[in-house]
């Protein structure tokens, strides 16, 4: 796979793109707006800097997941490449970049829409909530039905883009991983807990990833908890644990105690029941995605 980068241009597999602007920065990557030279179409490029083999494995895992999942509600991978940019002086580990080219969604993320509504003291209409939620449910179901199943592990409004038709597109698969894990040792438990702390947003993280113990069985229902927080955030503009965070109290304790309250609202009973269906502390008692889809369709 050919790849060449200049200050203002990127060439991958004979496709040349020009960097137009910086769209955003995260803890592990930056995202630039690109224009393809031949078609003038706009794309987004996620640039992941890798400081050694472990970083490279995580970045290439994101590529693997994106290539494995083809679904209209999951962001597609247009092109990718890996380039070496140097070596660390002491360890001699390679410093590289993995570049992911994806569609550009000019309507932005769901989080941006929720922020705009909050500034106007408005909320999403319930019909819009169910439309977006249904799209995300379908995307998550595709991940869970894959062989082997994948979990997204970071479902939140900031990771859902809106396409030109107003449909939801689940993105940022950098936290995605095989869904079913049997944790056998204390070191495995600590490694999973540390990875969750780095890559799963605290306000949407399920209880079983706050405190991982040897002997734990983790499965795709981690995403179902996050979906409950996601649905709550669409309705009320914030995670059910946002106020706990703002007070400086322990989110882990609030999550473990299922400390969720609902503001006064005019939404249906069905919406509140669907949130409660997802927010079950014991993962083994939490429903699978198919049950959530059934509840949302009633």
C-alpha atoms as a PDB file:
ATOM      1  CA  UNK A   1       0.000   0.000   0.000  1.00  0.00           C
ATOM      2  CA  UNK A   2       1.637   3.216  -1.172  1.00  0.00           C
ATOM      3  CA  UNK A   3       1.620   6.316   0.955  1.00  0.00           C
ATOM      4  CA  UNK A   4       3.438   9.630   0.653  1.00  0.00           C
ATOM      5  CA  UNK A   5       2.968  12.695   2.826  1.00  0.00           C
ATOM      6  CA  UNK A   6       4.036  16.263   2.327  1.00  0.00           C
ATOM      7  CA  UNK A   7       3.300  19.328   4.392  1.00  0.00           C
ATOM      8  CA  UNK A   8       0.119  20.075   2.467  1.00  0.00           C
ATOM      9  CA  UNK A   9      -0.627  16.820   0.640  1.00  0.00           C
ATOM     10  CA  UNK A  10      -1.160  13.106   1.267  1.00  0.00           C
ATOM     11  CA  UNK A  11      -1.016  10.419  -1.425  1.00  0.00           C
ATOM     12  CA  UNK A  12      -2.399   6.951  -0.717  1.00  0.00           C
ATOM     13  CA  UNK A  13      -2.788   4.295  -3.422  1.00  0.00           C
ATOM     14  CA  UNK A  14      -2.377   6.918  -6.168  1.00  0.00           C
ATOM     15  CA  UNK A  15      -5.144   9.064  -4.651  1.00  0.00           C
ATOM     16  CA  UNK A  16      -3.892  12.545  -3.815  1.00  0.00           C
ATOM     17  CA  UNK A  17      -5.460  14.627  -1.074  1.00  0.00           C
ATOM     18  CA  UNK A  18      -4.748  18.174   0.101  1.00  0.00           C
ATOM     19  CA  UNK A  19      -4.966  19.105   3.786  1.00  0.00           C
ATOM     20  CA  UNK A  20      -7.390  22.002   4.214  1.00  0.00           C
ATOM     21  CA  UNK A  21      -7.756  22.428   7.969  1.00  0.00           C
ATOM     22  CA  UNK A  22      -7.637  20.788  11.376  1.00  0.00           C
ATOM     23  CA  UNK A  23     -11.018  19.416  12.451  1.00  0.00           C
ATOM     24  CA  UNK A  24     -10.134  18.227  15.931  1.00  0.00           C
ATOM     25  CA  UNK A  25      -7.673  16.655  18.336  1.00  0.00           C
ATOM     26  CA  UNK A  26      -8.036  13.762  20.749  1.00  0.00           C
ATOM     27  CA  UNK A  27      -5.828  12.008  23.239  1.00  0.00           C
ATOM     28  CA  UNK A  28      -4.380   9.631  20.678  1.00  0.00           C
ATOM     29  CA  UNK A  29      -4.939  11.294  17.305  1.00  0.00           C
ATOM     30  CA  UNK A  30      -5.756  14.402  15.297  1.00  0.00           C
ATOM     31  CA  UNK A  31      -8.331  14.731  12.519  1.00  0.00           C
ATOM     32  CA  UNK A  32      -7.796  16.872   9.412  1.00  0.00           C
ATOM     33  CA  UNK A  33     -10.143  17.943   6.636  1.00  0.00           C
ATOM     34  CA  UNK A  34      -8.909  16.783   3.225  1.00  0.00           C
ATOM     35  CA  UNK A  35      -9.872  17.600  -0.357  1.00  0.00           C
ATOM     36  CA  UNK A  36      -9.230  14.969  -3.010  1.00  0.00           C
ATOM     37  CA  UNK A  37      -7.273  16.496  -5.888  1.00  0.00           C
ATOM     38  CA  UNK A  38      -9.114  14.704  -8.706  1.00  0.00           C
ATOM     39  CA  UNK A  39     -12.733  14.869  -7.493  1.00  0.00           C
ATOM     40  CA  UNK A  40     -12.563  17.822  -5.047  1.00  0.00           C
ATOM     41  CA  UNK A  41     -14.606  15.666  -2.645  1.00  0.00           C
ATOM     42  CA  UNK A  42     -14.036  16.291   1.061  1.00  0.00           C
ATOM     43  CA  UNK A  43     -12.781  13.622   3.453  1.00  0.00           C
ATOM     44  CA  UNK A  44     -11.661  13.384   7.068  1.00  0.00           C
ATOM     45  CA  UNK A  45      -8.231  11.957   7.897  1.00  0.00           C
ATOM     46  CA  UNK A  46      -7.508  10.527  11.331  1.00  0.00           C
ATOM     47  CA  UNK A  47      -3.778  10.647  12.027  1.00  0.00           C
ATOM     48  CA  UNK A  48      -2.696   8.270  14.824  1.00  0.00           C
ATOM     49  CA  UNK A  49       0.862   8.686  16.117  1.00  0.00           C
ATOM     50  CA  UNK A  50       2.384   5.410  17.324  1.00  0.00           C
ATOM     51  CA  UNK A  51       5.384   5.432  19.670  1.00  0.00           C
ATOM     52  CA  UNK A  52       6.086   1.708  19.533  1.00  0.00           C
ATOM     53  CA  UNK A  53       4.709  -1.734  18.720  1.00  0.00           C
ATOM     54  CA  UNK A  54       1.882  -1.567  21.294  1.00  0.00           C
ATOM     55  CA  UNK A  55       0.547   1.686  19.806  1.00  0.00           C
ATOM     56  CA  UNK A  56       0.825   0.245  16.300  1.00  0.00           C
ATOM     57  CA  UNK A  57      -1.177  -2.831  17.288  1.00  0.00           C
ATOM     58  CA  UNK A  58      -3.985  -0.667  18.672  1.00  0.00           C
ATOM     59  CA  UNK A  59      -4.057   1.572  15.599  1.00  0.00           C
ATOM     60  CA  UNK A  60      -4.077  -1.368  13.210  1.00  0.00           C
ATOM     61  CA  UNK A  61      -6.809  -3.012  15.284  1.00  0.00           C
ATOM     62  CA  UNK A  62      -8.983  -0.002  14.459  1.00  0.00           C
ATOM     63  CA  UNK A  63      -8.220  -0.561  10.770  1.00  0.00           C
ATOM     64  CA  UNK A  64      -9.084  -4.248  11.120  1.00  0.00           C
ATOM     65  CA  UNK A  65     -12.434  -3.500  12.781  1.00  0.00           C
ATOM     66  CA  UNK A  66     -13.366  -0.859  10.187  1.00  0.00           C
ATOM     67  CA  UNK A  67     -12.515  -3.201   7.317  1.00  0.00           C
ATOM     68  CA  UNK A  68     -14.483  -6.047   8.899  1.00  0.00           C
ATOM     69  CA  UNK A  69     -17.655  -4.026   9.458  1.00  0.00           C
ATOM     70  CA  UNK A  70     -19.602  -2.806   6.444  1.00  0.00           C
ATOM     71  CA  UNK A  71     -22.841  -1.196   7.562  1.00  0.00           C
ATOM     72  CA  UNK A  72     -24.710   1.941   6.558  1.00  0.00           C
ATOM     73  CA  UNK A  73     -24.658   3.247  10.129  1.00  0.00           C
ATOM     74  CA  UNK A  74     -20.924   2.604  10.708  1.00  0.00           C
ATOM     75  CA  UNK A  75     -18.298   4.961   9.311  1.00  0.00           C
ATOM     76  CA  UNK A  76     -16.554   3.361   6.301  1.00  0.00           C
ATOM     77  CA  UNK A  77     -12.798   3.286   5.750  1.00  0.00           C
ATOM     78  CA  UNK A  78     -11.909   4.814   2.375  1.00  0.00           C
ATOM     79  CA  UNK A  79      -8.134   4.324   2.523  1.00  0.00           C
ATOM     80  CA  UNK A  80      -5.403   3.775   5.091  1.00  0.00           C
ATOM     81  CA  UNK A  81      -1.636   3.536   5.301  1.00  0.00           C
ATOM     82  CA  UNK A  82       1.195   3.387   7.791  1.00  0.00           C
ATOM     83  CA  UNK A  83       4.351   5.479   7.509  1.00  0.00           C
ATOM     84  CA  UNK A  84       7.565   5.573   9.553  1.00  0.00           C
ATOM     85  CA  UNK A  85       8.545   9.052  10.735  1.00  0.00           C
ATOM     86  CA  UNK A  86      11.526   8.299  13.034  1.00  0.00           C
ATOM     87  CA  UNK A  87      12.924   6.356  15.975  1.00  0.00           C
ATOM     88  CA  UNK A  88      13.148   6.984  19.713  1.00  0.00           C
ATOM     89  CA  UNK A  89      16.742   7.774  20.692  1.00  0.00           C
ATOM     90  CA  UNK A  90      16.927   5.440  23.694  1.00  0.00           C
ATOM     91  CA  UNK A  91      14.601   2.507  22.936  1.00  0.00           C
ATOM     92  CA  UNK A  92      15.064   2.655  19.167  1.00  0.00           C
ATOM     93  CA  UNK A  93      11.328   1.902  18.857  1.00  0.00           C
ATOM     94  CA  UNK A  94       9.891   3.101  15.574  1.00  0.00           C
ATOM     95  CA  UNK A  95       7.739   6.241  15.628  1.00  0.00           C
ATOM     96  CA  UNK A  96       5.081   5.845  12.972  1.00  0.00           C
ATOM     97  CA  UNK A  97       1.744   7.249  11.870  1.00  0.00           C
ATOM     98  CA  UNK A  98      -1.339   5.338  10.799  1.00  0.00           C
ATOM     99  CA  UNK A  99      -3.560   7.430   8.526  1.00  0.00           C
ATOM    100  CA  UNK A 100      -7.258   6.609   8.141  1.00  0.00           C
ATOM    101  CA  UNK A 101      -9.255   8.309   5.382  1.00  0.00           C
ATOM    102  CA  UNK A 102     -12.998   8.474   6.033  1.00  0.00           C
ATOM    103  CA  UNK A 103     -15.994  10.418   4.733  1.00  0.00           C
ATOM    104  CA  UNK A 104     -16.426  13.966   5.984  1.00  0.00           C
ATOM    105  CA  UNK A 105     -19.781  14.649   7.649  1.00  0.00           C
ATOM    106  CA  UNK A 106     -20.377  18.376   7.368  1.00  0.00           C
ATOM    107  CA  UNK A 107     -23.354  18.314   9.753  1.00  0.00           C
ATOM    108  CA  UNK A 108     -20.965  17.367  12.553  1.00  0.00           C
ATOM    109  CA  UNK A 109     -21.541  15.180  15.568  1.00  0.00           C
ATOM    110  CA  UNK A 110     -24.640  14.561  17.621  1.00  0.00           C
ATOM    111  CA  UNK A 111     -22.824  16.125  20.580  1.00  0.00           C
ATOM    112  CA  UNK A 112     -22.491  19.390  18.670  1.00  0.00           C
ATOM    113  CA  UNK A 113     -26.228  19.326  17.977  1.00  0.00           C
ATOM    114  CA  UNK A 114     -27.047  18.639  21.630  1.00  0.00           C
ATOM    115  CA  UNK A 115     -24.743  21.475  22.738  1.00  0.00           C
ATOM    116  CA  UNK A 116     -26.500  23.882  20.373  1.00  0.00           C
ATOM    117  CA  UNK A 117     -29.911  22.833  21.698  1.00  0.00           C
ATOM    118  CA  UNK A 118     -28.745  23.227  25.294  1.00  0.00           C
ATOM    119  CA  UNK A 119     -27.588  26.803  24.619  1.00  0.00           C
ATOM    120  CA  UNK A 120     -31.125  27.565  23.421  1.00  0.00           C
ATOM    121  CA  UNK A 121     -32.664  25.706  26.377  1.00  0.00           C
ATOM    122  CA  UNK A 122     -34.250  23.220  23.959  1.00  0.00           C
ATOM    123  CA  UNK A 123     -34.358  19.435  23.703  1.00  0.00           C
ATOM    124  CA  UNK A 124     -34.483  16.949  20.846  1.00  0.00           C
ATOM    125  CA  UNK A 125     -37.958  15.978  19.687  1.00  0.00           C
ATOM    126  CA  UNK A 126     -38.772  12.413  20.679  1.00  0.00           C
ATOM    127  CA  UNK A 127     -39.199  11.336  17.065  1.00  0.00           C
ATOM    128  CA  UNK A 128     -35.662  12.510  16.308  1.00  0.00           C
ATOM    129  CA  UNK A 129     -34.351  10.674  19.389  1.00  0.00           C
ATOM    130  CA  UNK A 130     -35.802   7.358  18.249  1.00  0.00           C
ATOM    131  CA  UNK A 131     -34.584   7.850  14.681  1.00  0.00           C
ATOM    132  CA  UNK A 132     -30.986   8.413  15.808  1.00  0.00           C
ATOM    133  CA  UNK A 133     -31.153   5.700  18.468  1.00  0.00           C
ATOM    134  CA  UNK A 134     -32.473   3.145  15.984  1.00  0.00           C
ATOM    135  CA  UNK A 135     -29.550   3.827  13.630  1.00  0.00           C
ATOM    136  CA  UNK A 136     -27.023   3.453  16.441  1.00  0.00           C
ATOM    137  CA  UNK A 137     -28.727   0.264  17.645  1.00  0.00           C
ATOM    138  CA  UNK A 138     -28.408  -1.205  14.156  1.00  0.00           C
ATOM    139  CA  UNK A 139     -24.718  -0.287  14.022  1.00  0.00           C
ATOM    140  CA  UNK A 140     -24.051  -1.846  17.420  1.00  0.00           C
ATOM    141  CA  UNK A 141     -26.015  -4.958  16.477  1.00  0.00           C
ATOM    142  CA  UNK A 142     -23.782  -5.368  13.410  1.00  0.00           C
ATOM    143  CA  UNK A 143     -20.734  -5.219  15.673  1.00  0.00           C
ATOM    144  CA  UNK A 144     -22.188  -7.708  18.156  1.00  0.00           C
ATOM    145  CA  UNK A 145     -23.245 -10.133  15.396  1.00  0.00           C
ATOM    146  CA  UNK A 146     -19.834 -10.185  13.789  1.00  0.00           C
ATOM    147  CA  UNK A 147     -17.885 -13.427  14.126  1.00  0.00           C
ATOM    148  CA  UNK A 148     -16.180 -12.946  16.523  1.00  0.00           C
ATOM    149  CA  UNK A 149     -18.326 -10.227  18.148  1.00  0.00           C
ATOM    150  CA  UNK A 150     -16.895  -6.748  18.634  1.00  0.00           C
ATOM    151  CA  UNK A 151     -17.800  -4.211  21.325  1.00  0.00           C
ATOM    152  CA  UNK A 152     -17.503  -0.509  20.542  1.00  0.00           C
ATOM    153  CA  UNK A 153     -16.692   0.399  24.170  1.00  0.00           C
ATOM    154  CA  UNK A 154     -17.102   4.168  23.750  1.00  0.00           C
ATOM    155  CA  UNK A 155     -20.646   4.893  22.582  1.00  0.00           C
ATOM    156  CA  UNK A 156     -21.474   8.547  23.246  1.00  0.00           C
ATOM    157  CA  UNK A 157     -22.954  11.509  21.318  1.00  0.00           C
ATOM    158  CA  UNK A 158     -19.465  12.744  20.369  1.00  0.00           C
ATOM    159  CA  UNK A 159     -18.858   9.488  18.492  1.00  0.00           C
ATOM    160  CA  UNK A 160     -22.021   9.662  16.401  1.00  0.00           C
ATOM    161  CA  UNK A 161     -21.941  11.779  13.255  1.00  0.00           C
ATOM    162  CA  UNK A 162     -24.969  12.977  11.307  1.00  0.00           C
ATOM    163  CA  UNK A 163     -24.950  12.463   7.548  1.00  0.00           C
ATOM    164  CA  UNK A 164     -26.637  14.708   4.979  1.00  0.00           C
ATOM    165  CA  UNK A 165     -29.915  12.786   5.339  1.00  0.00           C
ATOM    166  CA  UNK A 166     -29.869  13.162   9.123  1.00  0.00           C
ATOM    167  CA  UNK A 167     -28.980   9.516   9.695  1.00  0.00           C
ATOM    168  CA  UNK A 168     -26.678   8.463  12.542  1.00  0.00           C
ATOM    169  CA  UNK A 169     -23.180   7.187  11.725  1.00  0.00           C
ATOM    170  CA  UNK A 170     -21.273   5.441  14.522  1.00  0.00           C
ATOM    171  CA  UNK A 171     -17.584   6.315  14.364  1.00  0.00           C
ATOM    172  CA  UNK A 172     -14.290   6.250  16.299  1.00  0.00           C
ATOM    173  CA  UNK A 173     -13.670   2.518  16.426  1.00  0.00           C
ATOM    174  CA  UNK A 174     -10.318   3.048  18.154  1.00  0.00           C
ATOM    175  CA  UNK A 175     -11.785   1.724  21.406  1.00  0.00           C
ATOM    176  CA  UNK A 176     -13.456  -1.282  19.729  1.00  0.00           C
ATOM    177  CA  UNK A 177     -12.188  -4.725  20.640  1.00  0.00           C
ATOM    178  CA  UNK A 178     -13.272  -8.375  20.769  1.00  0.00           C
ATOM    179  CA  UNK A 179     -16.403  -8.345  22.919  1.00  0.00           C
ATOM    180  CA  UNK A 180     -16.018 -11.551  24.902  1.00  0.00           C
ATOM    181  CA  UNK A 181     -13.161 -11.740  27.377  1.00  0.00           C
ATOM    182  CA  UNK A 182     -12.441 -14.144  30.198  1.00  0.00           C
ATOM    183  CA  UNK A 183     -10.216 -12.389  32.727  1.00  0.00           C
ATOM    184  CA  UNK A 184      -8.092 -14.967  34.520  1.00  0.00           C
ATOM    185  CA  UNK A 185      -5.229 -13.124  36.245  1.00  0.00           C
ATOM    186  CA  UNK A 186      -4.850  -9.952  38.255  1.00  0.00           C
ATOM    187  CA  UNK A 187      -2.525  -8.508  35.617  1.00  0.00           C
ATOM    188  CA  UNK A 188      -5.145  -9.116  32.895  1.00  0.00           C
ATOM    189  CA  UNK A 189      -7.785  -7.472  35.076  1.00  0.00           C
ATOM    190  CA  UNK A 190      -5.588  -4.426  35.659  1.00  0.00           C
ATOM    191  CA  UNK A 191      -4.699  -4.168  31.962  1.00  0.00           C
ATOM    192  CA  UNK A 192      -8.372  -4.191  30.941  1.00  0.00           C
ATOM    193  CA  UNK A 193      -9.287  -1.650  33.620  1.00  0.00           C
ATOM    194  CA  UNK A 194      -6.419   0.616  32.531  1.00  0.00           C
ATOM    195  CA  UNK A 195      -7.422   0.359  28.862  1.00  0.00           C
ATOM    196  CA  UNK A 196     -11.026   1.221  29.759  1.00  0.00           C
ATOM    197  CA  UNK A 197      -9.821   4.221  31.785  1.00  0.00           C
ATOM    198  CA  UNK A 198      -7.897   5.457  28.728  1.00  0.00           C
ATOM    199  CA  UNK A 199     -10.394   4.709  25.963  1.00  0.00           C
ATOM    200  CA  UNK A 200     -13.916   4.472  27.441  1.00  0.00           C
ATOM    201  CA  UNK A 201     -15.408   7.830  28.399  1.00  0.00           C
ATOM    202  CA  UNK A 202     -16.066   7.814  32.126  1.00  0.00           C
ATOM    203  CA  UNK A 203     -19.586   9.241  31.902  1.00  0.00           C
ATOM    204  CA  UNK A 204     -20.661   6.401  29.586  1.00  0.00           C
ATOM    205  CA  UNK A 205     -18.500   3.567  30.989  1.00  0.00           C
ATOM    206  CA  UNK A 206     -20.252   0.448  32.336  1.00  0.00           C
ATOM    207  CA  UNK A 207     -19.800  -0.695  35.962  1.00  0.00           C
ATOM    208  CA  UNK A 208     -17.827  -3.834  35.079  1.00  0.00           C
ATOM    209  CA  UNK A 209     -15.049  -1.757  33.489  1.00  0.00           C
ATOM    210  CA  UNK A 210     -14.557   0.538  36.497  1.00  0.00           C
ATOM    211  CA  UNK A 211     -13.390  -2.339  38.683  1.00  0.00           C
ATOM    212  CA  UNK A 212     -12.252  -5.488  36.898  1.00  0.00           C
ATOM    213  CA  UNK A 213     -11.538  -8.563  39.003  1.00  0.00           C
ATOM    214  CA  UNK A 214      -9.798 -11.848  38.117  1.00  0.00           C
ATOM    215  CA  UNK A 215     -12.417 -14.381  37.061  1.00  0.00           C
ATOM    216  CA  UNK A 216     -14.634 -11.741  35.448  1.00  0.00           C
ATOM    217  CA  UNK A 217     -16.452 -12.518  32.199  1.00  0.00           C
ATOM    218  CA  UNK A 218     -16.884  -9.498  29.947  1.00  0.00           C
ATOM    219  CA  UNK A 219     -19.163  -9.531  26.905  1.00  0.00           C
ATOM    220  CA  UNK A 220     -20.900  -7.248  24.411  1.00  0.00           C
ATOM    221  CA  UNK A 221     -23.388  -6.017  27.010  1.00  0.00           C
ATOM    222  CA  UNK A 222     -20.798  -3.417  28.026  1.00  0.00           C
ATOM    223  CA  UNK A 223     -22.196  -1.458  25.057  1.00  0.00           C
ATOM    224  CA  UNK A 224     -25.788  -1.815  26.286  1.00  0.00           C
ATOM    225  CA  UNK A 225     -24.993   0.194  29.434  1.00  0.00           C
ATOM    226  CA  UNK A 226     -23.408   2.889  27.275  1.00  0.00           C
ATOM    227  CA  UNK A 227     -26.486   2.887  25.043  1.00  0.00           C
ATOM    228  CA  UNK A 228     -28.648   3.654  28.085  1.00  0.00           C
ATOM    229  CA  UNK A 229     -26.410   6.620  28.953  1.00  0.00           C
ATOM    230  CA  UNK A 230     -26.458   7.654  25.280  1.00  0.00           C
ATOM    231  CA  UNK A 231     -30.270   7.600  25.111  1.00  0.00           C
ATOM    232  CA  UNK A 232     -30.454   9.611  28.354  1.00  0.00           C
ATOM    233  CA  UNK A 233     -28.011  12.169  26.935  1.00  0.00           C
ATOM    234  CA  UNK A 234     -30.092  12.587  23.769  1.00  0.00           C
ATOM    235  CA  UNK A 235     -33.183  13.274  25.866  1.00  0.00           C
ATOM    236  CA  UNK A 236     -31.698  15.482  28.578  1.00  0.00           C
ATOM    237  CA  UNK A 237     -28.519  16.908  27.033  1.00  0.00           C
ATOM    238  CA  UNK A 238     -26.018  15.164  29.306  1.00  0.00           C
ATOM    239  CA  UNK A 239     -24.973  11.807  30.718  1.00  0.00           C
ATOM    240  CA  UNK A 240     -27.009  10.599  33.708  1.00  0.00           C
ATOM    241  CA  UNK A 241     -23.774  10.965  35.720  1.00  0.00           C
ATOM    242  CA  UNK A 242     -22.806  14.467  34.553  1.00  0.00           C
ATOM    243  CA  UNK A 243     -24.014  16.181  37.725  1.00  0.00           C
ATOM    244  CA  UNK A 244     -22.062  13.692  39.848  1.00  0.00           C
ATOM    245  CA  UNK A 245     -18.958  14.621  37.857  1.00  0.00           C
ATOM    246  CA  UNK A 246     -19.624  18.361  38.234  1.00  0.00           C
ATOM    247  CA  UNK A 247     -19.931  17.997  42.014  1.00  0.00           C
ATOM    248  CA  UNK A 248     -16.605  16.180  42.109  1.00  0.00           C
ATOM    249  CA  UNK A 249     -18.184  13.039  43.556  1.00  0.00           C
ATOM    250  CA  UNK A 250     -17.193   9.503  42.581  1.00  0.00           C
ATOM    251  CA  UNK A 251     -18.651   8.495  39.225  1.00  0.00           C
ATOM    252  CA  UNK A 252     -17.634   4.885  39.887  1.00  0.00           C
ATOM    253  CA  UNK A 253     -19.716   4.795  43.082  1.00  0.00           C
ATOM    254  CA  UNK A 254     -22.670   6.468  41.374  1.00  0.00           C
ATOM    255  CA  UNK A 255     -22.502   3.965  38.521  1.00  0.00           C
ATOM    256  CA  UNK A 256     -22.190   0.958  40.858  1.00  0.00           C
ATOM    257  CA  UNK A 257     -25.199   2.150  42.880  1.00  0.00           C
ATOM    258  CA  UNK A 258     -27.224   2.895  39.725  1.00  0.00           C
ATOM    259  CA  UNK A 259     -27.734   6.422  41.013  1.00  0.00           C
ATOM    260  CA  UNK A 260     -29.816   7.742  38.091  1.00  0.00           C
ATOM    261  CA  UNK A 261     -32.511  10.394  38.391  1.00  0.00           C
ATOM    262  CA  UNK A 262     -34.741  11.815  35.679  1.00  0.00           C
ATOM    263  CA  UNK A 263     -35.574  15.502  35.307  1.00  0.00           C
ATOM    264  CA  UNK A 264     -39.156  16.562  34.699  1.00  0.00           C
ATOM    265  CA  UNK A 265     -39.913  15.859  31.047  1.00  0.00           C
ATOM    266  CA  UNK A 266     -42.648  15.396  28.485  1.00  0.00           C
ATOM    267  CA  UNK A 267     -41.169  12.318  26.812  1.00  0.00           C
ATOM    268  CA  UNK A 268     -43.006   9.012  26.701  1.00  0.00           C
ATOM    269  CA  UNK A 269     -42.920   6.366  29.414  1.00  0.00           C
ATOM    270  CA  UNK A 270     -41.365   4.097  26.780  1.00  0.00           C
ATOM    271  CA  UNK A 271     -38.264   6.283  26.547  1.00  0.00           C
ATOM    272  CA  UNK A 272     -37.611   6.253  30.283  1.00  0.00           C
ATOM    273  CA  UNK A 273     -38.268   2.501  30.429  1.00  0.00           C
ATOM    274  CA  UNK A 274     -35.788   1.880  27.606  1.00  0.00           C
ATOM    275  CA  UNK A 275     -33.103   3.820  29.484  1.00  0.00           C
ATOM    276  CA  UNK A 276     -33.768   1.810  32.650  1.00  0.00           C
ATOM    277  CA  UNK A 277     -33.685  -1.425  30.649  1.00  0.00           C
ATOM    278  CA  UNK A 278     -30.096  -0.684  29.614  1.00  0.00           C
ATOM    279  CA  UNK A 279     -28.816   0.670  32.930  1.00  0.00           C
ATOM    280  CA  UNK A 280     -28.654  -2.601  34.845  1.00  0.00           C
ATOM    281  CA  UNK A 281     -25.559  -2.743  37.045  1.00  0.00           C
ATOM    282  CA  UNK A 282     -25.085  -6.526  36.893  1.00  0.00           C
ATOM    283  CA  UNK A 283     -23.869  -7.274  33.369  1.00  0.00           C
ATOM    284  CA  UNK A 284     -25.261 -10.828  33.556  1.00  0.00           C
ATOM    285  CA  UNK A 285     -28.759  -9.424  34.135  1.00  0.00           C
ATOM    286  CA  UNK A 286     -28.432  -6.726  31.467  1.00  0.00           C
ATOM    287  CA  UNK A 287     -30.200  -7.374  28.152  1.00  0.00           C
ATOM    288  CA  UNK A 288     -28.460  -8.097  24.875  1.00  0.00           C
ATOM    289  CA  UNK A 289     -28.807  -5.687  21.954  1.00  0.00           C
ATOM    290  CA  UNK A 290     -31.732  -7.598  20.406  1.00  0.00           C
ATOM    291  CA  UNK A 291     -33.878  -6.996  23.501  1.00  0.00           C
ATOM    292  CA  UNK A 292     -33.079  -3.288  23.396  1.00  0.00           C
ATOM    293  CA  UNK A 293     -34.039  -3.149  19.710  1.00  0.00           C
ATOM    294  CA  UNK A 294     -37.334  -4.870  20.525  1.00  0.00           C
ATOM    295  CA  UNK A 295     -38.052  -2.412  23.348  1.00  0.00           C
ATOM    296  CA  UNK A 296     -37.232   0.585  21.130  1.00  0.00           C
ATOM    297  CA  UNK A 297     -39.544  -0.707  18.388  1.00  0.00           C
ATOM    298  CA  UNK A 298     -42.606  -1.229  20.620  1.00  0.00           C
END
